[in-house]
């Protein structure tokens, strides 16, 4: 399954969560969380885009880990997400629900790919940044930064 969205990333974040659990998103953030650009909590993965604007997001739900060239992306992180209800919800931070997708109940791995980060203007309001999220069934595992991007302007 493949979907495309324009998601308003107010406060530089949007959420993937289990619709049946409706987890609390009032989380404390560390400097490490901000550098990783992804934060997790039970039943929740927070994606932290670079712009505080609407951003293009592609979502793929697949059966197995993706075999994709990571050199196409600036930053790549993987995290686990428990979806016991079998209902994946994509939700804006200050907006509402974007979509609710039916999946097999269970634990998934989420690969968050961040591209076009070098195109951002100095005020970080404009750019060609784009995001791809890939989910597949997998046992729970710690959050892992696969490829790290450090903005040379910061």
Protein backbone atom coordinates (compact mmCIF):
# COMPACT_ATOMS: atom_id res chain seq x y z
CA UNK A 1 0.00 0.00 0.00
CA UNK A 2 1.33 3.42 -0.93
CA UNK A 3 -0.14 6.78 0.08
CA UNK A 4 0.92 10.41 -0.40
CA UNK A 5 0.10 13.27 1.92
CA UNK A 6 0.75 16.96 2.55
CA UNK A 7 1.06 17.11 6.32
CA UNK A 8 1.21 20.33 8.31
CA UNK A 9 4.21 19.79 10.57
CA UNK A 10 3.35 22.41 13.18
CA UNK A 11 5.99 22.51 15.91
CA UNK A 12 8.12 20.43 13.52
CA UNK A 13 6.22 17.22 14.20
CA UNK A 14 3.47 14.83 13.22
CA UNK A 15 2.52 11.44 14.57
CA UNK A 16 2.03 7.80 13.67
CA UNK A 17 0.08 6.02 16.38
CA UNK A 18 -2.27 3.18 17.20
CA UNK A 19 -5.78 4.57 16.77
CA UNK A 20 -7.13 2.30 19.51
CA UNK A 21 -4.62 3.54 22.08
CA UNK A 22 -4.65 7.30 21.29
CA UNK A 23 -1.32 7.86 23.12
CA UNK A 24 -0.35 11.02 24.96
CA UNK A 25 1.83 13.24 22.76
CA UNK A 26 2.92 15.64 25.53
CA UNK A 27 6.49 14.39 25.59
CA UNK A 28 9.70 15.91 26.85
CA UNK A 29 12.35 16.27 24.15
CA UNK A 30 16.09 16.00 24.63
CA UNK A 31 18.80 17.33 22.33
CA UNK A 32 19.32 13.71 21.20
CA UNK A 33 15.64 13.44 20.24
CA UNK A 34 15.96 16.57 18.11
CA UNK A 35 19.16 15.34 16.42
CA UNK A 36 17.56 11.96 15.66
CA UNK A 37 14.46 13.71 14.21
CA UNK A 38 12.33 10.83 15.51
CA UNK A 39 11.00 10.16 19.00
CA UNK A 40 9.12 7.16 20.29
CA UNK A 41 6.74 6.39 23.13
CA UNK A 42 4.35 3.46 23.66
CA UNK A 43 2.09 3.12 20.59
CA UNK A 44 3.61 6.31 19.09
CA UNK A 45 6.30 7.43 16.66
CA UNK A 46 6.87 11.18 16.33
CA UNK A 47 8.34 12.33 13.01
CA UNK A 48 10.14 15.69 13.21
CA UNK A 49 10.40 17.36 9.79
CA UNK A 50 12.80 20.23 9.30
CA UNK A 51 10.14 22.74 8.31
CA UNK A 52 7.33 24.04 10.48
CA UNK A 53 5.13 24.01 7.36
CA UNK A 54 3.19 21.58 5.18
CA UNK A 55 5.57 18.90 3.96
CA UNK A 56 5.19 16.11 1.40
CA UNK A 57 5.11 12.65 2.95
CA UNK A 58 5.00 9.30 1.16
CA UNK A 59 3.92 6.28 3.20
CA UNK A 60 4.52 2.69 2.15
CA UNK A 61 3.31 -0.35 4.05
CA UNK A 62 5.22 -3.42 2.91
CA UNK A 63 5.66 -7.06 3.94
CA UNK A 64 9.43 -7.09 4.51
CA UNK A 65 12.31 -4.72 5.22
CA UNK A 66 12.92 -2.40 2.28
CA UNK A 67 15.96 -2.89 0.09
CA UNK A 68 16.51 0.72 -0.85
CA UNK A 69 19.58 2.79 -1.64
CA UNK A 70 20.15 4.94 1.43
CA UNK A 71 22.35 7.36 -0.52
CA UNK A 72 19.12 8.87 -1.91
CA UNK A 73 18.36 10.23 1.57
CA UNK A 74 20.00 12.76 3.88
CA UNK A 75 18.83 11.21 7.16
CA UNK A 76 17.33 7.77 7.95
CA UNK A 77 15.98 6.52 11.27
CA UNK A 78 14.21 3.28 12.24
CA UNK A 79 11.87 2.83 15.19
CA UNK A 80 9.31 0.29 16.37
CA UNK A 81 5.58 0.94 16.60
CA UNK A 82 3.06 -1.32 18.32
CA UNK A 83 -0.31 -1.36 16.55
CA UNK A 84 -2.45 -3.76 18.61
CA UNK A 85 -5.72 -2.38 17.20
CA UNK A 86 -4.59 -2.85 13.60
CA UNK A 87 -5.46 0.80 12.91
CA UNK A 88 -2.55 3.08 12.04
CA UNK A 89 -3.44 6.74 12.44
CA UNK A 90 -1.47 9.60 10.90
CA UNK A 91 -2.13 12.75 12.91
CA UNK A 92 -0.96 16.36 12.71
CA UNK A 93 0.40 17.99 15.85
CA UNK A 94 -2.13 20.83 16.09
CA UNK A 95 -4.43 19.70 13.31
CA UNK A 96 -6.38 16.52 13.29
CA UNK A 97 -6.32 13.06 11.90
CA UNK A 98 -4.97 12.81 8.35
CA UNK A 99 -5.80 9.16 7.74
CA UNK A 100 -6.54 5.89 9.51
CA UNK A 101 -5.26 2.78 7.75
CA UNK A 102 -6.12 -0.84 8.48
CA UNK A 103 -3.11 -3.12 8.99
CA UNK A 104 -2.63 -6.52 10.59
CA UNK A 105 -2.43 -6.03 14.38
CA UNK A 106 1.13 -6.33 15.67
CA UNK A 107 4.49 -4.64 15.93
CA UNK A 108 5.97 -2.76 12.98
CA UNK A 109 9.28 -1.22 12.11
CA UNK A 110 9.07 2.35 10.80
CA UNK A 111 11.85 3.64 8.56
CA UNK A 112 11.73 7.44 8.33
CA UNK A 113 13.70 8.84 5.40
CA UNK A 114 14.41 12.58 5.19
CA UNK A 115 15.43 14.05 1.82
CA UNK A 116 16.19 17.48 0.41
CA UNK A 117 17.45 18.84 3.73
CA UNK A 118 20.20 20.81 1.97
CA UNK A 119 17.56 22.82 0.04
CA UNK A 120 16.16 24.62 3.07
CA UNK A 121 16.44 28.38 3.25
CA UNK A 122 18.24 29.94 6.21
CA UNK A 123 14.89 30.76 7.87
CA UNK A 124 13.92 27.08 7.35
CA UNK A 125 10.51 28.03 5.94
CA UNK A 126 11.08 27.11 2.30
CA UNK A 127 12.76 24.18 0.63
CA UNK A 128 12.33 20.96 -1.27
CA UNK A 129 12.54 18.67 1.74
CA UNK A 130 10.47 15.50 1.48
CA UNK A 131 9.82 12.48 3.66
CA UNK A 132 9.21 8.79 3.11
CA UNK A 133 7.90 6.44 5.78
CA UNK A 134 8.08 2.70 5.27
CA UNK A 135 6.36 0.28 7.66
CA UNK A 136 6.71 -3.48 7.79
CA UNK A 137 5.93 -6.17 10.38
CA UNK A 138 8.95 -6.74 12.63
CA UNK A 139 9.79 -7.51 16.26
CA UNK A 140 10.33 -4.55 18.55
CA UNK A 141 13.86 -3.12 18.45
CA UNK A 142 15.52 0.03 19.76
CA UNK A 143 15.42 3.25 17.79
CA UNK A 144 18.37 3.35 15.39
CA UNK A 145 19.83 6.19 13.34
CA UNK A 146 20.90 4.49 10.11
CA UNK A 147 22.19 7.66 8.44
CA UNK A 148 22.72 10.95 10.27
CA UNK A 149 22.46 14.42 8.74
CA UNK A 150 24.03 17.34 10.58
CA UNK A 151 23.11 20.70 9.07
CA UNK A 152 26.40 22.53 8.50
CA UNK A 153 24.63 25.88 8.99
CA UNK A 154 23.71 25.12 12.59
